Amino acid sequence: RALINASGTGYIWLNGHNLGRYWEEGPQREFYLPDCWLKF
């Protein structure tokens, strides 16, 4: 997972794949990182 603390709103990409939206206001600060997009 990625734990993110930031101001502003926008989008997140993991190795070129759109992971989702980030909102400054809202409960989500934790994002699951799918295995199929990770490079171990």
All heavy atoms as atom14 arrays in JSON, in Angstrom:
{
  "sequence": "RALINASGTGYIWLNGHNLGRYWEEGPQREFYLPDCWLKF",
  "atom14_mask": [
    [1, 1, 1, 1, 1, 1, 1, 1, 1, 1, 1, 0, 0, 0],
    [1, 1, 1, 1, 1, 0, 0, 0, 0, 0, 0, 0, 0, 0],
    [1, 1, 1, 1, 1, 1, 1, 1, 0, 0, 0, 0, 0, 0],
    [1, 1, 1, 1, 1, 1, 1, 1, 0, 0, 0, 0, 0, 0],
    [1, 1, 1, 1, 1, 1, 1, 1, 0, 0, 0, 0, 0, 0],
    [1, 1, 1, 1, 1, 0, 0, 0, 0, 0, 0, 0, 0, 0],
    [1, 1, 1, 1, 1, 1, 0, 0, 0, 0, 0, 0, 0, 0],
    [1, 1, 1, 1, 0, 0, 0, 0, 0, 0, 0, 0, 0, 0],
    [1, 1, 1, 1, 1, 1, 1, 0, 0, 0, 0, 0, 0, 0],
    [1, 1, 1, 1, 0, 0, 0, 0, 0, 0, 0, 0, 0, 0],
    [1, 1, 1, 1, 1, 1, 1, 1, 1, 1, 1, 1, 0, 0],
    [1, 1, 1, 1, 1, 1, 1, 1, 0, 0, 0, 0, 0, 0],
    [1, 1, 1, 1, 1, 1, 1, 1, 1, 1, 1, 1, 1, 1],
    [1, 1, 1, 1, 1, 1, 1, 1, 0, 0, 0, 0, 0, 0],
    [1, 1, 1, 1, 1, 1, 1, 1, 0, 0, 0, 0, 0, 0],
    [1, 1, 1, 1, 0, 0, 0, 0, 0, 0, 0, 0, 0, 0],
    [1, 1, 1, 1, 1, 1, 1, 1, 1, 1, 0, 0, 0, 0],
    [1, 1, 1, 1, 1, 1, 1, 1, 0, 0, 0, 0, 0, 0],
    [1, 1, 1, 1, 1, 1, 1, 1, 0, 0, 0, 0, 0, 0],
    [1, 1, 1, 1, 0, 0, 0, 0, 0, 0, 0, 0, 0, 0],
    [1, 1, 1, 1, 1, 1, 1, 1, 1, 1, 1, 0, 0, 0],
    [1, 1, 1, 1, 1, 1, 1, 1, 1, 1, 1, 1, 0, 0],
    [1, 1, 1, 1, 1, 1, 1, 1, 1, 1, 1, 1, 1, 1],
    [1, 1, 1, 1, 1, 1, 1, 1, 1, 0, 0, 0, 0, 0],
    [1, 1, 1, 1, 1, 1, 1, 1, 1, 0, 0, 0, 0, 0],
    [1, 1, 1, 1, 0, 0, 0, 0, 0, 0, 0, 0, 0, 0],
    [1, 1, 1, 1, 1, 1, 1, 0, 0, 0, 0, 0, 0, 0],
    [1, 1, 1, 1, 1, 1, 1, 1, 1, 0, 0, 0, 0, 0],
    [1, 1, 1, 1, 1, 1, 1, 1, 1, 1, 1, 0, 0, 0],
    [1, 1, 1, 1, 1, 1, 1, 1, 1, 0, 0, 0, 0, 0],
    [1, 1, 1, 1, 1, 1, 1, 1, 1, 1, 1, 0, 0, 0],
    [1, 1, 1, 1, 1, 1, 1, 1, 1, 1, 1, 1, 0, 0],
    [1, 1, 1, 1, 1, 1, 1, 1, 0, 0, 0, 0, 0, 0],
    [1, 1, 1, 1, 1, 1, 1, 0, 0, 0, 0, 0, 0, 0],
    [1, 1, 1, 1, 1, 1, 1, 1, 0, 0, 0, 0, 0, 0],
    [1, 1, 1, 1, 1, 1, 0, 0, 0, 0, 0, 0, 0, 0],
    [1, 1, 1, 1, 1, 1, 1, 1, 1, 1, 1, 1, 1, 1],
    [1, 1, 1, 1, 1, 1, 1, 1, 0, 0, 0, 0, 0, 0],
    [1, 1, 1, 1, 1, 1, 1, 1, 1, 0, 0, 0, 0, 0],
    [1, 1, 1, 1, 1, 1, 1, 1, 1, 1, 1, 0, 0, 0]
  ],
  "atom14_positions": [
    [[0.84, -1.2, 0.0], [0.0, 0.0, 0.0], [0.87, 1.25, 0.0], [2.05, 1.21, 0.37], [-0.89, 0.03, 1.24], [-0.07, 0.08, 2.52], [-0.92, -0.03, 3.75], [-0.06, -0.35, 4.89], [-0.49, -0.48, 6.11], [-1.76, -0.32, 6.37], [0.34, -0.76, 7.08], [0.0, 0.0, 0.0], [0.0, 0.0, 0.0], [0.0, 0.0, 0.0]],
    [[0.26, 2.36, -0.4], [0.9, 3.67, -0.31], [0.07, 4.51, 0.66], [-1.16, 4.58, 0.52], [0.95, 4.34, -1.67], [0.0, 0.0, 0.0], [0.0, 0.0, 0.0], [0.0, 0.0, 0.0], [0.0, 0.0, 0.0], [0.0, 0.0, 0.0], [0.0, 0.0, 0.0], [0.0, 0.0, 0.0], [0.0, 0.0, 0.0], [0.0, 0.0, 0.0]],
    [[0.72, 5.1, 1.64], [0.08, 6.05, 2.56], [0.52, 7.44, 2.12], [1.72, 7.75, 2.14], [0.5, 5.8, 4.0], [0.04, 4.5, 4.63], [0.62, 4.36, 6.03], [-1.47, 4.45, 4.69], [0.0, 0.0, 0.0], [0.0, 0.0, 0.0], [0.0, 0.0, 0.0], [0.0, 0.0, 0.0], [0.0, 0.0, 0.0], [0.0, 0.0, 0.0]],
    [[-0.44, 8.27, 1.74], [-0.13, 9.58, 1.15], [-0.75, 10.68, 1.99], [-1.91, 10.61, 2.37], [-0.66, 9.65, -0.29], [-0.02, 8.54, -1.14], [-0.4, 11.03, -0.89], [-0.62, 8.42, -2.52], [0.0, 0.0, 0.0], [0.0, 0.0, 0.0], [0.0, 0.0, 0.0], [0.0, 0.0, 0.0], [0.0, 0.0, 0.0], [0.0, 0.0, 0.0]],
    [[0.04, 11.71, 2.26], [-0.43, 12.91, 2.93], [-0.03, 14.1, 2.06], [1.16, 14.39, 1.92], [0.16, 13.02, 4.34], [-0.43, 14.16, 5.12], [-1.5, 14.67, 4.79], [0.25, 14.57, 6.16], [0.0, 0.0, 0.0], [0.0, 0.0, 0.0], [0.0, 0.0, 0.0], [0.0, 0.0, 0.0], [0.0, 0.0, 0.0], [0.0, 0.0, 0.0]],
    [[-1.02, 14.75, 1.46], [-0.74, 15.85, 0.54], [-1.89, 16.85, 0.55], [-2.99, 16.54, 0.99], [-0.53, 15.31, -0.87], [0.0, 0.0, 0.0], [0.0, 0.0, 0.0], [0.0, 0.0, 0.0], [0.0, 0.0, 0.0], [0.0, 0.0, 0.0], [0.0, 0.0, 0.0], [0.0, 0.0, 0.0], [0.0, 0.0, 0.0], [0.0, 0.0, 0.0]],
    [[-1.6, 18.04, 0.06], [-2.65, 19.03, -0.16], [-2.94, 19.09, -1.65], [-2.11, 18.71, -2.48], [-2.21, 20.4, 0.36], [-1.04, 20.83, -0.28], [0.0, 0.0, 0.0], [0.0, 0.0, 0.0], [0.0, 0.0, 0.0], [0.0, 0.0, 0.0], [0.0, 0.0, 0.0], [0.0, 0.0, 0.0], [0.0, 0.0, 0.0], [0.0, 0.0, 0.0]],
    [[-4.12, 19.53, -1.99], [-4.55, 19.56, -3.38], [-5.31, 18.3, -3.75], [-5.5, 17.4, -2.94], [0.0, 0.0, 0.0], [0.0, 0.0, 0.0], [0.0, 0.0, 0.0], [0.0, 0.0, 0.0], [0.0, 0.0, 0.0], [0.0, 0.0, 0.0], [0.0, 0.0, 0.0], [0.0, 0.0, 0.0], [0.0, 0.0, 0.0], [0.0, 0.0, 0.0]],
    [[-5.77, 18.26, -4.99], [-6.47, 17.1, -5.51], [-5.84, 16.71, -6.84], [-5.28, 17.55, -7.54], [-7.97, 17.38, -5.74], [-8.1, 18.46, -6.66], [-8.67, 17.74, -4.45], [0.0, 0.0, 0.0], [0.0, 0.0, 0.0], [0.0, 0.0, 0.0], [0.0, 0.0, 0.0], [0.0, 0.0, 0.0], [0.0, 0.0, 0.0], [0.0, 0.0, 0.0]],
    [[-5.94, 15.44, -7.19], [-5.35, 15.02, -8.46], [-5.44, 13.52, -8.66], [-6.29, 12.85, -8.07], [0.0, 0.0, 0.0], [0.0, 0.0, 0.0], [0.0, 0.0, 0.0], [0.0, 0.0, 0.0], [0.0, 0.0, 0.0], [0.0, 0.0, 0.0], [0.0, 0.0, 0.0], [0.0, 0.0, 0.0], [0.0, 0.0, 0.0], [0.0, 0.0, 0.0]],
    [[-4.55, 13.03, -9.51], [-4.53, 11.62, -9.86], [-3.2, 10.99, -9.51], [-2.18, 11.67, -9.45], [-4.79, 11.44, -11.37], [-6.22, 11.66, -11.75], [-6.67, 12.92, -12.13], [-7.13, 10.62, -11.7], [-8.0, 13.13, -12.47], [-8.46, 10.82, -12.04], [-8.89, 12.07, -12.42], [-10.19, 12.27, -12.74], [0.0, 0.0, 0.0], [0.0, 0.0, 0.0]],
    [[-3.21, 9.65, -9.35], [-2.03, 8.89, -8.98], [-1.83, 7.78, -10.02], [-2.81, 7.11, -10.4], [-2.19, 8.25, -7.59], [-2.54, 9.29, -6.55], [-0.94, 7.49, -7.18], [-3.03, 8.7, -5.24], [0.0, 0.0, 0.0], [0.0, 0.0, 0.0], [0.0, 0.0, 0.0], [0.0, 0.0, 0.0], [0.0, 0.0, 0.0], [0.0, 0.0, 0.0]],
    [[-0.57, 7.58, -10.43], [-0.23, 6.51, -11.36], [0.86, 5.65, -10.76], [1.8, 6.16, -10.15], [0.29, 7.08, -12.69], [-0.76, 7.76, -13.5], [-1.55, 7.23, -14.47], [-1.1, 9.15, -13.43], [-2.36, 8.19, -15.0], [-2.12, 9.38, -14.36], [-0.67, 10.22, -12.65], [-2.69, 10.62, -14.56], [-1.24, 11.46, -12.83], [-2.24, 11.65, -13.79]],
    [[0.73, 4.35, -10.93], [1.73, 3.39, -10.48], [2.29, 2.68, -11.71], [1.55, 1.98, -12.4], [1.12, 2.36, -9.52], [2.01, 1.19, -9.12], [3.24, 1.68, -8.36], [1.23, 0.19, -8.27], [0.0, 0.0, 0.0], [0.0, 0.0, 0.0], [0.0, 0.0, 0.0], [0.0, 0.0, 0.0], [0.0, 0.0, 0.0], [0.0, 0.0, 0.0]],
    [[3.56, 2.91, -11.99], [4.23, 2.31, -13.15], [3.41, 2.48, -14.43], [3.26, 1.57, -15.23], [4.53, 0.84, -12.9], [5.55, 0.66, -11.8], [6.45, 1.47, -11.63], [5.4, -0.41, -11.03], [0.0, 0.0, 0.0], [0.0, 0.0, 0.0], [0.0, 0.0, 0.0], [0.0, 0.0, 0.0], [0.0, 0.0, 0.0], [0.0, 0.0, 0.0]],
    [[2.84, 3.68, -14.61], [2.08, 4.01, -15.82], [0.61, 3.64, -15.79], [-0.12, 3.94, -16.73], [0.0, 0.0, 0.0], [0.0, 0.0, 0.0], [0.0, 0.0, 0.0], [0.0, 0.0, 0.0], [0.0, 0.0, 0.0], [0.0, 0.0, 0.0], [0.0, 0.0, 0.0], [0.0, 0.0, 0.0], [0.0, 0.0, 0.0], [0.0, 0.0, 0.0]],
    [[0.13, 3.03, -14.71], [-1.28, 2.64, -14.58], [-1.98, 3.61, -13.63], [-1.46, 3.92, -12.56], [-1.41, 1.22, -14.03], [-0.75, 0.2, -14.89], [-1.36, -0.36, -15.98], [0.48, -0.37, -14.81], [-0.55, -1.23, -16.55], [0.58, -1.25, -15.84], [0.0, 0.0, 0.0], [0.0, 0.0, 0.0], [0.0, 0.0, 0.0], [0.0, 0.0, 0.0]],
    [[-3.18, 4.06, -14.02], [-3.93, 4.99, -13.18], [-4.42, 4.26, -11.93], [-5.24, 3.36, -12.01], [-5.09, 5.58, -13.95], [-5.78, 6.7, -13.2], [-5.8, 6.73, -11.98], [-6.33, 7.63, -13.94], [0.0, 0.0, 0.0], [0.0, 0.0, 0.0], [0.0, 0.0, 0.0], [0.0, 0.0, 0.0], [0.0, 0.0, 0.0], [0.0, 0.0, 0.0]],
    [[-3.91, 4.68, -10.78], [-4.25, 4.05, -9.51], [-5.53, 4.64, -8.92], [-6.25, 3.98, -8.19], [-3.09, 4.22, -8.53], [-3.11, 3.45, -7.24], [-3.17, 1.95, -7.49], [-1.89, 3.78, -6.41], [0.0, 0.0, 0.0], [0.0, 0.0, 0.0], [0.0, 0.0, 0.0], [0.0, 0.0, 0.0], [0.0, 0.0, 0.0], [0.0, 0.0, 0.0]],
    [[-5.82, 5.9, -9.22], [-7.03, 6.51, -8.7], [-6.86, 7.99, -8.46], [-5.87, 8.6, -8.83], [0.0, 0.0, 0.0], [0.0, 0.0, 0.0], [0.0, 0.0, 0.0], [0.0, 0.0, 0.0], [0.0, 0.0, 0.0], [0.0, 0.0, 0.0], [0.0, 0.0, 0.0], [0.0, 0.0, 0.0], [0.0, 0.0, 0.0], [0.0, 0.0, 0.0]],
    [[-7.87, 8.55, -7.78], [-7.88, 9.98, -7.5], [-7.46, 10.23, -6.06], [-7.76, 9.45, -5.17], [-9.27, 10.55, -7.72], [-9.7, 10.49, -9.16], [-11.06, 11.06, -9.36], [-10.99, 12.52, -9.24], [-11.99, 13.32, -9.55], [-13.12, 12.81, -9.95], [-11.85, 14.61, -9.43], [0.0, 0.0, 0.0], [0.0, 0.0, 0.0], [0.0, 0.0, 0.0]],
    [[-6.8, 11.34, -5.86], [-6.44, 11.78, -4.52], [-7.2, 13.07, -4.23], [-7.2, 14.0, -5.03], [-4.93, 12.06, -4.4], [-4.56, 12.51, -3.01], [-4.29, 11.58, -2.02], [-4.54, 13.85, -2.69], [-4.0, 11.98, -0.74], [-4.24, 14.26, -1.4], [-3.97, 13.33, -0.43], [-3.69, 13.73, 0.84], [0.0, 0.0, 0.0], [0.0, 0.0, 0.0]],
    [[-7.88, 13.1, -3.07], [-8.62, 14.28, -2.64], [-8.03, 14.78, -1.33], [-7.81, 14.01, -0.39], [-10.1, 13.94, -2.41], [-10.83, 13.72, -3.69], [-11.05, 12.53, -4.3], [-11.39, 14.71, -4.52], [-11.72, 12.72, -5.48], [-11.96, 14.06, -5.64], [-11.49, 16.1, -4.45], [-12.61, 14.74, -6.66], [-12.14, 16.77, -5.47], [-12.69, 16.09, -6.56]],
    [[-7.78, 16.08, -1.28], [-7.27, 16.69, -0.05], [-8.29, 16.52, 1.08], [-7.94, 16.16, 2.2], [-7.01, 18.18, -0.3], [-6.55, 18.92, 0.92], [-6.31, 20.38, 0.61], [-6.52, 20.83, -0.53], [-5.92, 21.09, 1.54], [0.0, 0.0, 0.0], [0.0, 0.0, 0.0], [0.0, 0.0, 0.0], [0.0, 0.0, 0.0], [0.0, 0.0, 0.0]],
    [[-9.55, 16.75, 0.77], [-10.61, 16.58, 1.76], [-11.25, 15.22, 1.53], [-11.73, 14.93, 0.45], [-11.66, 17.68, 1.62], [-11.09, 19.06, 1.89], [-12.12, 20.15, 1.7], [-13.34, 19.84, 1.69], [-11.71, 21.29, 1.55], [0.0, 0.0, 0.0], [0.0, 0.0, 0.0], [0.0, 0.0, 0.0], [0.0, 0.0, 0.0], [0.0, 0.0, 0.0]],
    [[-11.26, 14.42, 2.54], [-11.84, 13.09, 2.4], [-11.1, 12.09, 3.24], [-10.0, 12.36, 3.71], [0.0, 0.0, 0.0], [0.0, 0.0, 0.0], [0.0, 0.0, 0.0], [0.0, 0.0, 0.0], [0.0, 0.0, 0.0], [0.0, 0.0, 0.0], [0.0, 0.0, 0.0], [0.0, 0.0, 0.0], [0.0, 0.0, 0.0], [0.0, 0.0, 0.0]],
    [[-11.65, 10.91, 3.41], [-11.05, 9.95, 4.32], [-9.9, 9.14, 3.73], [-9.14, 8.55, 4.47], [-12.22, 9.04, 4.67], [-13.07, 9.08, 3.44], [-12.94, 10.48, 2.92], [0.0, 0.0, 0.0], [0.0, 0.0, 0.0], [0.0, 0.0, 0.0], [0.0, 0.0, 0.0], [0.0, 0.0, 0.0], [0.0, 0.0, 0.0], [0.0, 0.0, 0.0]],
    [[-9.76, 9.09, 2.42], [-8.78, 8.15, 1.86], [-7.38, 8.74, 1.82], [-7.12, 9.75, 1.19], [-9.18, 7.72, 0.46], [-8.27, 6.61, -0.06], [-8.76, 6.02, -1.36], [-9.68, 6.51, -1.97], [-8.11, 4.97, -1.8], [0.0, 0.0, 0.0], [0.0, 0.0, 0.0], [0.0, 0.0, 0.0], [0.0, 0.0, 0.0], [0.0, 0.0, 0.0]],
    [[-6.47, 8.08, 2.51], [-5.05, 8.4, 2.5], [-4.23, 7.15, 2.14], [-3.05, 7.23, 1.93], [-4.58, 8.91, 3.87], [-5.24, 10.16, 4.32], [-4.52, 11.36, 3.74], [-5.1, 12.58, 4.25], [-5.61, 13.52, 3.48], [-5.63, 13.39, 2.19], [-6.11, 14.61, 3.99], [0.0, 0.0, 0.0], [0.0, 0.0, 0.0], [0.0, 0.0, 0.0]],
    [[-4.92, 6.02, 2.07], [-4.27, 4.73, 1.85], [-4.74, 4.17, 0.52], [-5.93, 4.12, 0.25], [-4.64, 3.79, 3.0], [-4.0, 2.44, 2.92], [-4.32, 1.64, 4.18], [-3.9, 2.04, 5.26], [-5.01, 0.62, 4.03], [0.0, 0.0, 0.0], [0.0, 0.0, 0.0], [0.0, 0.0, 0.0], [0.0, 0.0, 0.0], [0.0, 0.0, 0.0]],
    [[-3.77, 3.73, -0.3], [-4.08, 3.21, -1.62], [-3.43, 1.85, -1.8], [-2.22, 1.71, -1.61], [-3.58, 4.17, -2.71], [-4.29, 5.49, -2.69], [-3.88, 6.5, -1.84], [-5.38, 5.71, -3.5], [-4.54, 7.71, -1.8], [-6.06, 6.91, -3.47], [-5.63, 7.92, -2.62], [0.0, 0.0, 0.0], [0.0, 0.0, 0.0], [0.0, 0.0, 0.0]],
    [[-4.22, 0.86, -2.16], [-3.72, -0.49, -2.44], [-2.92, -0.46, -3.74], [-3.32, 0.16, -4.73], [-4.9, -1.46, -2.55], [-4.52, -2.83, -3.03], [-3.8, -3.69, -2.21], [-4.86, -3.26, -4.3], [-3.43, -4.96, -2.66], [-4.51, -4.52, -4.76], [-3.78, -5.36, -3.93], [-3.42, -6.59, -4.38], [0.0, 0.0, 0.0], [0.0, 0.0, 0.0]],
    [[-1.78, -1.12, -3.74], [-0.93, -1.21, -4.93], [-1.06, -2.61, -5.52], [-0.55, -3.58, -4.96], [0.54, -0.93, -4.55], [0.8, 0.39, -3.83], [2.27, 0.52, -3.47], [0.34, 1.57, -4.67], [0.0, 0.0, 0.0], [0.0, 0.0, 0.0], [0.0, 0.0, 0.0], [0.0, 0.0, 0.0], [0.0, 0.0, 0.0], [0.0, 0.0, 0.0]],
    [[-1.8, -2.76, -6.62], [-2.04, -4.09, -7.19], [-0.75, -4.8, -7.59], [0.14, -4.21, -8.21], [-2.88, -3.8, -8.44], [-3.49, -2.45, -8.18], [-2.48, -1.7, -7.37], [0.0, 0.0, 0.0], [0.0, 0.0, 0.0], [0.0, 0.0, 0.0], [0.0, 0.0, 0.0], [0.0, 0.0, 0.0], [0.0, 0.0, 0.0], [0.0, 0.0, 0.0]],
    [[-0.65, -6.07, -7.22], [0.53, -6.89, -7.52], [0.88, -6.88, -9.01], [2.05, -6.86, -9.38], [0.3, -8.34, -7.12], [0.31, -8.53, -5.62], [0.4, -7.53, -4.89], [0.24, -9.69, -5.19], [0.0, 0.0, 0.0], [0.0, 0.0, 0.0], [0.0, 0.0, 0.0], [0.0, 0.0, 0.0], [0.0, 0.0, 0.0], [0.0, 0.0, 0.0]],
    [[-0.15, -6.93, -9.86], [0.09, -7.03, -11.3], [0.76, -5.78, -11.87], [1.3, -5.82, -12.97], [-1.21, -7.33, -12.03], [-2.5, -6.1, -11.77], [0.0, 0.0, 0.0], [0.0, 0.0, 0.0], [0.0, 0.0, 0.0], [0.0, 0.0, 0.0], [0.0, 0.0, 0.0], [0.0, 0.0, 0.0], [0.0, 0.0, 0.0], [0.0, 0.0, 0.0]],
    [[0.76, -4.68, -11.14], [1.4, -3.44, -11.6], [2.74, -3.2, -10.91], [3.46, -2.27, -11.26], [0.5, -2.24, -11.36], [-0.77, -2.27, -12.15], [-1.09, -3.08, -13.2], [-1.91, -1.45, -11.92], [-2.36, -2.82, -13.64], [-2.89, -1.81, -12.87], [-2.22, -0.45, -11.02], [-4.12, -1.2, -12.95], [-3.45, 0.17, -11.09], [-4.4, -0.21, -12.05]],
    [[3.06, -4.0, -9.9], [4.32, -3.82, -9.17], [5.45, -4.62, -9.8], [5.23, -5.67, -10.41], [4.15, -4.26, -7.71], [3.3, -3.36, -6.83], [3.04, -4.03, -5.49], [3.97, -2.0, -6.63], [0.0, 0.0, 0.0], [0.0, 0.0, 0.0], [0.0, 0.0, 0.0], [0.0, 0.0, 0.0], [0.0, 0.0, 0.0], [0.0, 0.0, 0.0]],
    [[6.67, -4.11, -9.62], [7.88, -4.8, -10.07], [8.67, -5.19, -8.83], [9.2, -4.33, -8.13], [8.71, -3.88, -10.95], [8.0, -3.4, -12.19], [8.83, -2.36, -12.89], [8.06, -1.74, -14.03], [8.8, -0.62, -14.62], [0.0, 0.0, 0.0], [0.0, 0.0, 0.0], [0.0, 0.0, 0.0], [0.0, 0.0, 0.0], [0.0, 0.0, 0.0]],
    [[8.71, -6.48, -8.53], [9.42, -6.97, -7.36], [10.88, -7.2, -7.72], [11.19, -7.79, -8.75], [8.77, -8.24, -6.82], [7.4, -7.98, -6.28], [6.28, -8.17, -7.06], [7.24, -7.52, -4.98], [5.01, -7.91, -6.57], [5.97, -7.26, -4.48], [4.86, -7.45, -5.27], [0.0, 0.0, 0.0], [0.0, 0.0, 0.0], [0.0, 0.0, 0.0]]
  ]
}
